[in-house]
C-alpha atoms as a PDB file:
ATOM      1  CA  UNK A   1      30.101  89.146 -90.502  1.00  0.00           C
ATOM      2  CA  UNK A   2      31.953  87.226 -87.633  1.00  0.00           C
ATOM      3  CA  UNK A   3      33.104  83.825 -88.193  1.00  0.00           C
ATOM      4  CA  UNK A   4      34.176  80.834 -85.529  1.00  0.00           C
ATOM      5  CA  UNK A   5      36.868  79.044 -85.680  1.00  0.00           C
ATOM      6  CA  UNK A   6      36.358  75.120 -87.224  1.00  0.00           C
ATOM      7  CA  UNK A   7      36.923  73.626 -83.855  1.00  0.00           C
ATOM      8  CA  UNK A   8      33.973  75.379 -82.565  1.00  0.00           C
ATOM      9  CA  UNK A   9      31.529  74.044 -85.390  1.00  0.00           C
ATOM     10  CA  UNK A  10      29.697  71.371 -85.094  1.00  0.00           C
ATOM     11  CA  UNK A  11      29.747  68.456 -88.154  1.00  0.00           C
ATOM     12  CA  UNK A  12      26.724  70.151 -89.852  1.00  0.00           C
ATOM     13  CA  UNK A  13      27.968  73.827 -89.796  1.00  0.00           C
ATOM     14  CA  UNK A  14      26.503  74.610 -86.685  1.00  0.00           C
ATOM     15  CA  UNK A  15      28.749  77.411 -84.264  1.00  0.00           C
ATOM     16  CA  UNK A  16      28.928  75.290 -80.584  1.00  0.00           C
ATOM     17  CA  UNK A  17      29.286  76.054 -77.228  1.00  0.00           C
ATOM     18  CA  UNK A  18      31.670  74.188 -74.367  1.00  0.00           C
ATOM     19  CA  UNK A  19      29.815  72.986 -71.708  1.00  0.00           C
ATOM     20  CA  UNK A  20      30.661  73.162 -68.153  1.00  0.00           C
ATOM     21  CA  UNK A  21      33.668  71.172 -66.976  1.00  0.00           C
ATOM     22  CA  UNK A  22      32.271  67.923 -65.154  1.00  0.00           C
ATOM     23  CA  UNK A  23      33.670  67.378 -61.933  1.00  0.00           C
ATOM     24  CA  UNK A  24      34.667  63.770 -60.233  1.00  0.00           C
ATOM     25  CA  UNK A  25      35.184  63.050 -57.049  1.00  0.00           C
ATOM     26  CA  UNK A  26      38.026  61.069 -55.778  1.00  0.00           C
ATOM     27  CA  UNK A  27      37.283  57.474 -54.910  1.00  0.00           C
ATOM     28  CA  UNK A  28      37.878  58.229 -51.180  1.00  0.00           C
ATOM     29  CA  UNK A  29      35.480  60.451 -51.014  1.00  0.00           C
ATOM     30  CA  UNK A  30      32.819  58.023 -51.998  1.00  0.00           C
ATOM     31  CA  UNK A  31      33.869  55.197 -48.983  1.00  0.00           C
ATOM     32  CA  UNK A  32      33.330  58.393 -46.530  1.00  0.00           C
ATOM     33  CA  UNK A  33      29.658  58.973 -47.858  1.00  0.00           C
ATOM     34  CA  UNK A  34      29.495  55.740 -47.689  1.00  0.00           C
ATOM     35  CA  UNK A  35      31.090  55.296 -44.445  1.00  0.00           C
ATOM     36  CA  UNK A  36      28.112  57.357 -42.878  1.00  0.00           C
ATOM     37  CA  UNK A  37      25.384  55.069 -44.029  1.00  0.00           C
ATOM     38  CA  UNK A  38      27.317  51.621 -42.905  1.00  0.00           C
ATOM     39  CA  UNK A  39      25.979  51.684 -38.719  1.00  0.00           C
ATOM     40  CA  UNK A  40      22.657  51.191 -40.531  1.00  0.00           C
ATOM     41  CA  UNK A  41      23.571  48.736 -42.824  1.00  0.00           C
ATOM     42  CA  UNK A  42      24.973  47.107 -40.426  1.00  0.00           C
ATOM     43  CA  UNK A  43      21.722  47.193 -38.539  1.00  0.00           C
ATOM     44  CA  UNK A  44      19.670  46.127 -41.258  1.00  0.00           C
ATOM     45  CA  UNK A  45      21.906  42.912 -41.556  1.00  0.00           C
ATOM     46  CA  UNK A  46      21.960  42.361 -38.349  1.00  0.00           C
ATOM     47  CA  UNK A  47      17.878  42.743 -38.274  1.00  0.00           C
ATOM     48  CA  UNK A  48      18.028  40.557 -41.260  1.00  0.00           C
ATOM     49  CA  UNK A  49      20.016  37.500 -39.519  1.00  0.00           C
ATOM     50  CA  UNK A  50      17.742  37.443 -36.422  1.00  0.00           C
ATOM     51  CA  UNK A  51      15.232  37.055 -38.393  1.00  0.00           C
ATOM     52  CA  UNK A  52      16.399  34.122 -39.911  1.00  0.00           C
ATOM     53  CA  UNK A  53      17.722  32.733 -37.564  1.00  0.00           C
ATOM     54  CA  UNK A  54      14.254  32.771 -35.231  1.00  0.00           C
ATOM     55  CA  UNK A  55      12.753  31.065 -38.837  1.00  0.00           C
ATOM     56  CA  UNK A  56      15.340  28.566 -39.045  1.00  0.00           C
ATOM     57  CA  UNK A  57      15.436  28.016 -34.600  1.00  0.00           C
ATOM     58  CA  UNK A  58      12.501  24.957 -33.861  1.00  0.00           C
ATOM     59  CA  UNK A  59      10.117  26.366 -31.493  1.00  0.00           C
ATOM     60  CA  UNK A  60      10.421  24.869 -27.999  1.00  0.00           C
ATOM     61  CA  UNK A  61       8.743  22.409 -26.891  1.00  0.00           C
ATOM     62  CA  UNK A  62       5.271  23.487 -24.962  1.00  0.00           C
ATOM     63  CA  UNK A  63       4.884  21.912 -21.330  1.00  0.00           C
ATOM     64  CA  UNK A  64       3.120  18.599 -21.244  1.00  0.00           C
ATOM     65  CA  UNK A  65       0.058  18.888 -19.026  1.00  0.00           C
ATOM     66  CA  UNK A  66       0.621  16.358 -15.503  1.00  0.00           C
ATOM     67  CA  UNK A  67      -1.090  13.804 -15.454  1.00  0.00           C
ATOM     68  CA  UNK A  68      -3.928  12.990 -13.294  1.00  0.00           C
ATOM     69  CA  UNK A  69      -3.234   9.244 -12.200  1.00  0.00           C
ATOM     70  CA  UNK A  70      -6.347   7.598 -12.159  1.00  0.00           C
ATOM     71  CA  UNK A  71      -8.066   5.155  -9.795  1.00  0.00           C
ATOM     72  CA  UNK A  72      -6.306   2.703 -11.915  1.00  0.00           C
ATOM     73  CA  UNK A  73      -4.565  -0.539  -9.803  1.00  0.00           C
ATOM     74  CA  UNK A  74      -0.479   0.109  -9.633  1.00  0.00           C
ATOM     75  CA  UNK A  75       0.324  -2.941  -7.756  1.00  0.00           C
ATOM     76  CA  UNK A  76      -1.394  -6.520  -8.573  1.00  0.00           C
ATOM     77  CA  UNK A  77      -0.729  -9.955  -6.451  1.00  0.00           C
ATOM     78  CA  UNK A  78      -2.071 -12.954  -6.726  1.00  0.00           C
ATOM     79  CA  UNK A  79      -2.776 -15.788  -4.933  1.00  0.00           C
ATOM     80  CA  UNK A  80      -1.525 -14.299  -1.865  1.00  0.00           C
ATOM     81  CA  UNK A  81      -1.625 -14.383   1.877  1.00  0.00           C
ATOM     82  CA  UNK A  82      -0.525 -11.553   4.124  1.00  0.00           C
ATOM     83  CA  UNK A  83      -0.090 -12.134   8.010  1.00  0.00           C
ATOM     84  CA  UNK A  84       1.145 -10.009  10.738  1.00  0.00           C
ATOM     85  CA  UNK A  85       2.186 -10.312  14.391  1.00  0.00           C
ATOM     86  CA  UNK A  86       1.967  -8.399  17.710  1.00  0.00           C
ATOM     87  CA  UNK A  87       4.614  -7.866  19.774  1.00  0.00           C
ATOM     88  CA  UNK A  88       5.156 -11.334  21.710  1.00  0.00           C
ATOM     89  CA  UNK A  89       5.286 -13.304  18.273  1.00  0.00           C
ATOM     90  CA  UNK A  90       1.391 -13.972  18.458  1.00  0.00           C
ATOM     91  CA  UNK A  91      -0.653 -13.654  15.346  1.00  0.00           C
ATOM     92  CA  UNK A  92      -2.605 -11.213  15.222  1.00  0.00           C
ATOM     93  CA  UNK A  93      -4.736 -10.717  11.686  1.00  0.00           C
ATOM     94  CA  UNK A  94      -3.894 -12.922   8.098  1.00  0.00           C
ATOM     95  CA  UNK A  95      -5.156 -11.887   4.953  1.00  0.00           C
ATOM     96  CA  UNK A  96      -6.029 -14.249   1.967  1.00  0.00           C
ATOM     97  CA  UNK A  97      -6.666 -14.510  -1.356  1.00  0.00           C
ATOM     98  CA  UNK A  98      -6.871 -15.200  -5.544  1.00  0.00           C
ATOM     99  CA  UNK A  99      -5.817 -11.728  -6.392  1.00  0.00           C
ATOM    100  CA  UNK A 100      -5.143  -8.342  -5.117  1.00  0.00           C
ATOM    101  CA  UNK A 101      -4.551  -5.147  -6.652  1.00  0.00           C
ATOM    102  CA  UNK A 102      -3.632  -1.448  -5.057  1.00  0.00           C
ATOM    103  CA  UNK A 103      -4.542   1.647  -6.008  1.00  0.00           C
ATOM    104  CA  UNK A 104      -1.862   4.684  -6.143  1.00  0.00           C
ATOM    105  CA  UNK A 105      -4.196   7.695  -5.978  1.00  0.00           C
ATOM    106  CA  UNK A 106      -5.648   6.888  -2.103  1.00  0.00           C
ATOM    107  CA  UNK A 107      -3.646   3.362  -0.979  1.00  0.00           C
ATOM    108  CA  UNK A 108      -7.127   1.535  -1.361  1.00  0.00           C
ATOM    109  CA  UNK A 109      -7.039  -2.460  -2.344  1.00  0.00           C
ATOM    110  CA  UNK A 110      -9.328  -4.553  -3.270  1.00  0.00           C
ATOM    111  CA  UNK A 111      -9.179  -8.282  -3.124  1.00  0.00           C
ATOM    112  CA  UNK A 112     -10.895 -11.724  -4.633  1.00  0.00           C
ATOM    113  CA  UNK A 113     -12.043 -14.267  -2.807  1.00  0.00           C
ATOM    114  CA  UNK A 114     -10.581 -13.185   0.723  1.00  0.00           C
ATOM    115  CA  UNK A 115     -10.390 -15.178   3.557  1.00  0.00           C
ATOM    116  CA  UNK A 116     -10.097 -12.109   6.512  1.00  0.00           C
ATOM    117  CA  UNK A 117      -8.354 -13.820  10.234  1.00  0.00           C
ATOM    118  CA  UNK A 118      -8.214 -10.974  12.867  1.00  0.00           C
ATOM    119  CA  UNK A 119      -7.663 -12.273  16.743  1.00  0.00           C
ATOM    120  CA  UNK A 120      -8.982  -8.976  19.572  1.00  0.00           C
ATOM    121  CA  UNK A 121      -6.720  -8.155  22.057  1.00  0.00           C
ATOM    122  CA  UNK A 122      -8.303 -10.686  24.784  1.00  0.00           C
ATOM    123  CA  UNK A 123      -7.380 -13.228  21.945  1.00  0.00           C
ATOM    124  CA  UNK A 124     -11.776 -13.648  20.163  1.00  0.00           C
ATOM    125  CA  UNK A 125     -11.385 -13.989  17.424  1.00  0.00           C
ATOM    126  CA  UNK A 126     -12.996 -13.014  14.110  1.00  0.00           C
ATOM    127  CA  UNK A 127     -13.242 -14.114  10.626  1.00  0.00           C
ATOM    128  CA  UNK A 128     -14.678 -12.486   7.197  1.00  0.00           C
ATOM    129  CA  UNK A 129     -15.216 -13.702   3.810  1.00  0.00           C
ATOM    130  CA  UNK A 130     -16.672 -12.060   0.451  1.00  0.00           C
ATOM    131  CA  UNK A 131     -16.511 -12.686  -3.322  1.00  0.00           C
ATOM    132  CA  UNK A 132     -14.488  -8.872  -3.061  1.00  0.00           C
ATOM    133  CA  UNK A 133     -13.156  -7.202  -0.188  1.00  0.00           C
ATOM    134  CA  UNK A 134     -12.396  -3.240  -0.270  1.00  0.00           C
ATOM    135  CA  UNK A 135     -10.111  -1.686   2.145  1.00  0.00           C
ATOM    136  CA  UNK A 136      -8.861   1.912   2.844  1.00  0.00           C
ATOM    137  CA  UNK A 137      -4.864   2.688   3.110  1.00  0.00           C
ATOM    138  CA  UNK A 138      -4.738   2.397   6.686  1.00  0.00           C
ATOM    139  CA  UNK A 139      -7.063  -0.924   7.089  1.00  0.00           C
ATOM    140  CA  UNK A 140      -9.230   0.398   9.745  1.00  0.00           C
ATOM    141  CA  UNK A 141     -12.733   0.128   7.013  1.00  0.00           C
ATOM    142  CA  UNK A 142     -13.364  -3.106   5.463  1.00  0.00           C
ATOM    143  CA  UNK A 143     -16.119  -2.935   3.044  1.00  0.00           C
ATOM    144  CA  UNK A 144     -17.213  -7.222   2.078  1.00  0.00           C
ATOM    145  CA  UNK A 145     -19.996  -7.805  -1.460  1.00  0.00           C
ATOM    146  CA  UNK A 146     -21.218 -10.494  -2.900  1.00  0.00           C
ATOM    147  CA  UNK A 147     -21.874 -13.506   0.009  1.00  0.00           C
ATOM    148  CA  UNK A 148     -20.725 -11.704   2.834  1.00  0.00           C
ATOM    149  CA  UNK A 149     -20.276 -13.519   5.919  1.00  0.00           C
ATOM    150  CA  UNK A 150     -18.657 -12.284   9.476  1.00  0.00           C
ATOM    151  CA  UNK A 151     -18.591 -14.735  12.266  1.00  0.00           C
ATOM    152  CA  UNK A 152     -17.804 -13.531  15.674  1.00  0.00           C
ATOM    153  CA  UNK A 153     -15.704 -16.836  17.157  1.00  0.00           C
ATOM    154  CA  UNK A 154     -17.271 -17.991  20.423  1.00  0.00           C
ATOM    155  CA  UNK A 155     -14.705 -17.574  23.297  1.00  0.00           C
ATOM    156  CA  UNK A 156     -14.411 -18.321  26.942  1.00  0.00           C
ATOM    157  CA  UNK A 157     -12.524 -15.512  28.300  1.00  0.00           C
ATOM    158  CA  UNK A 158     -10.876 -15.443  32.405  1.00  0.00           C
ATOM    159  CA  UNK A 159     -13.582 -14.487  34.793  1.00  0.00           C
ATOM    160  CA  UNK A 160     -16.711 -13.255  32.096  1.00  0.00           C
ATOM    161  CA  UNK A 161     -19.043 -15.720  30.631  1.00  0.00           C
ATOM    162  CA  UNK A 162     -18.770 -17.729  27.710  1.00  0.00           C
ATOM    163  CA  UNK A 163     -19.158 -15.721  24.310  1.00  0.00           C
ATOM    164  CA  UNK A 164     -21.847 -17.071  21.931  1.00  0.00           C
ATOM    165  CA  UNK A 165     -20.740 -17.883  17.963  1.00  0.00           C
ATOM    166  CA  UNK A 166     -22.905 -15.311  16.297  1.00  0.00           C
ATOM    167  CA  UNK A 167     -23.370 -14.865  12.230  1.00  0.00           C
ATOM    168  CA  UNK A 168     -23.765 -12.152   9.986  1.00  0.00           C
ATOM    169  CA  UNK A 169     -24.881 -12.453   6.825  1.00  0.00           C
ATOM    170  CA  UNK A 170     -25.568 -10.371   2.944  1.00  0.00           C
ATOM    171  CA  UNK A 171     -24.408  -8.968   0.216  1.00  0.00           C
ATOM    172  CA  UNK A 172     -22.818  -5.735   1.683  1.00  0.00           C
ATOM    173  CA  UNK A 173     -21.434  -5.322   5.402  1.00  0.00           C
ATOM    174  CA  UNK A 174     -19.006  -3.068   6.332  1.00  0.00           C
ATOM    175  CA  UNK A 175     -16.202  -3.649   9.609  1.00  0.00           C
ATOM    176  CA  UNK A 176     -14.382  -1.006  11.680  1.00  0.00           C
ATOM    177  CA  UNK A 177     -11.894  -2.568  12.728  1.00  0.00           C
ATOM    178  CA  UNK A 178     -10.942   0.546  15.329  1.00  0.00           C
ATOM    179  CA  UNK A 179     -13.891  -0.653  17.731  1.00  0.00           C
ATOM    180  CA  UNK A 180     -15.063  -4.030  15.827  1.00  0.00           C
ATOM    181  CA  UNK A 181     -18.252  -2.920  14.355  1.00  0.00           C
ATOM    182  CA  UNK A 182     -20.033  -4.310  11.794  1.00  0.00           C
ATOM    183  CA  UNK A 183     -22.423  -2.256   9.781  1.00  0.00           C
ATOM    184  CA  UNK A 184     -25.302  -2.489   6.740  1.00  0.00           C
ATOM    185  CA  UNK A 185     -27.496  -0.765   5.218  1.00  0.00           C
ATOM    186  CA  UNK A 186     -28.637  -3.332   3.154  1.00  0.00           C
ATOM    187  CA  UNK A 187     -30.816  -6.386   4.113  1.00  0.00           C
ATOM    188  CA  UNK A 188     -28.538  -9.257   6.823  1.00  0.00           C
ATOM    189  CA  UNK A 189     -29.646 -11.952   8.954  1.00  0.00           C
ATOM    190  CA  UNK A 190     -28.199 -12.718  11.753  1.00  0.00           C
ATOM    191  CA  UNK A 191     -27.730 -15.837  13.731  1.00  0.00           C
ATOM    192  CA  UNK A 192     -26.482 -16.757  17.212  1.00  0.00           C
ATOM    193  CA  UNK A 193     -27.519 -20.245  18.806  1.00  0.00           C
ATOM    194  CA  UNK A 194     -30.169 -21.410  17.484  1.00  0.00           C
ATOM    195  CA  UNK A 195     -31.739 -17.917  16.836  1.00  0.00           C
ATOM    196  CA  UNK A 196     -31.974 -16.270  12.947  1.00  0.00           C
ATOM    197  CA  UNK A 197     -33.203 -12.585  12.925  1.00  0.00           C
ATOM    198  CA  UNK A 198     -33.419 -10.714   9.351  1.00  0.00           C
ATOM    199  CA  UNK A 199     -33.616  -6.555   9.319  1.00  0.00           C
ATOM    200  CA  UNK A 200     -33.370  -4.039   7.094  1.00  0.00           C
ATOM    201  CA  UNK A 201     -29.969  -2.178   8.403  1.00  0.00           C
ATOM    202  CA  UNK A 202     -27.401  -3.544  11.252  1.00  0.00           C
ATOM    203  CA  UNK A 203     -25.264  -2.035  13.366  1.00  0.00           C
ATOM    204  CA  UNK A 204     -23.500  -4.491  15.446  1.00  0.00           C
ATOM    205  CA  UNK A 205     -20.446  -3.614  18.244  1.00  0.00           C
ATOM    206  CA  UNK A 206     -18.403  -5.796  19.452  1.00  0.00           C
ATOM    207  CA  UNK A 207     -17.556  -3.654  22.708  1.00  0.00           C
ATOM    208  CA  UNK A 208     -21.195  -3.274  23.612  1.00  0.00           C
ATOM    209  CA  UNK A 209     -22.396  -6.608  22.382  1.00  0.00           C
ATOM    210  CA  UNK A 210     -25.212  -4.744  21.473  1.00  0.00           C
ATOM    211  CA  UNK A 211     -27.051  -5.425  17.315  1.00  0.00           C
ATOM    212  CA  UNK A 212     -29.398  -2.254  16.255  1.00  0.00           C
ATOM    213  CA  UNK A 213     -31.329  -3.783  14.224  1.00  0.00           C
ATOM    214  CA  UNK A 214     -33.440  -1.182  11.856  1.00  0.00           C
ATOM    215  CA  UNK A 215     -36.214  -1.886   9.158  1.00  0.00           C
ATOM    216  CA  UNK A 216     -38.659  -5.405   9.127  1.00  0.00           C
ATOM    217  CA  UNK A 217     -37.167  -6.890  11.192  1.00  0.00           C
ATOM    218  CA  UNK A 218     -38.338 -11.001  11.470  1.00  0.00           C
ATOM    219  CA  UNK A 219     -36.905 -13.370  14.177  1.00  0.00           C
ATOM    220  CA  UNK A 220     -36.681 -16.770  14.701  1.00  0.00           C
ATOM    221  CA  UNK A 221     -35.838 -17.981  18.743  1.00  0.00           C
ATOM    222  CA  UNK A 222     -35.076 -20.674  19.386  1.00  0.00           C
ATOM    223  CA  UNK A 223     -36.988 -22.419  21.851  1.00  0.00           C
ATOM    224  CA  UNK A 224     -34.642 -22.763  25.176  1.00  0.00           C
ATOM    225  CA  UNK A 225     -34.498 -25.919  26.538  1.00  0.00           C
ATOM    226  CA  UNK A 226     -36.839 -26.850  29.793  1.00  0.00           C
ATOM    227  CA  UNK A 227     -34.750 -26.566  32.712  1.00  0.00           C
ATOM    228  CA  UNK A 228     -34.796 -29.422  35.235  1.00  0.00           C
END
């Protein structure tokens, strides 16, 4: 029977066998292995930092939709008087009123209790007034509403018969300044001399000096003085 040396026996007397020796790698080998994964670690850190910056950075403000300019007055004048003059310094037009409102979206204007005086090229005076007057940006079209009155005053032009005073009364009258027309699609009263004519609509031109009356037309004609 063989015997083992005491150094190879276990404390309980059982023989022991020496195991394989553990090989310990030097520390620089560990660093070499880590350097292989270093690029991937750096990319992960960069991605994490970018994500954090995106979360921490406030979102860019959304562009506000362009605001449309409504039909609201941009300029207001009270107790106004506007005059325009010709090349020779003569008065061509005058507008007065208690309040004027200009609208920026279309350049139109509204005037309260407006009084208008306008002279033709021949010097014939036309006046207009109403509770409310609207005009476009070019001042070519005027709309008179409420107690509207347009008067073409009498005049004596050289080499022509005298012009009689003529009046147009109504709640809604339109004036076109280019050809000096008075138009109404609502009941109107025409007064000329002693004659009074009512109609449902009117279209009168200063150039032709002819009034077109339509609808229910009624006339009260003054008697002409007897010829002597």
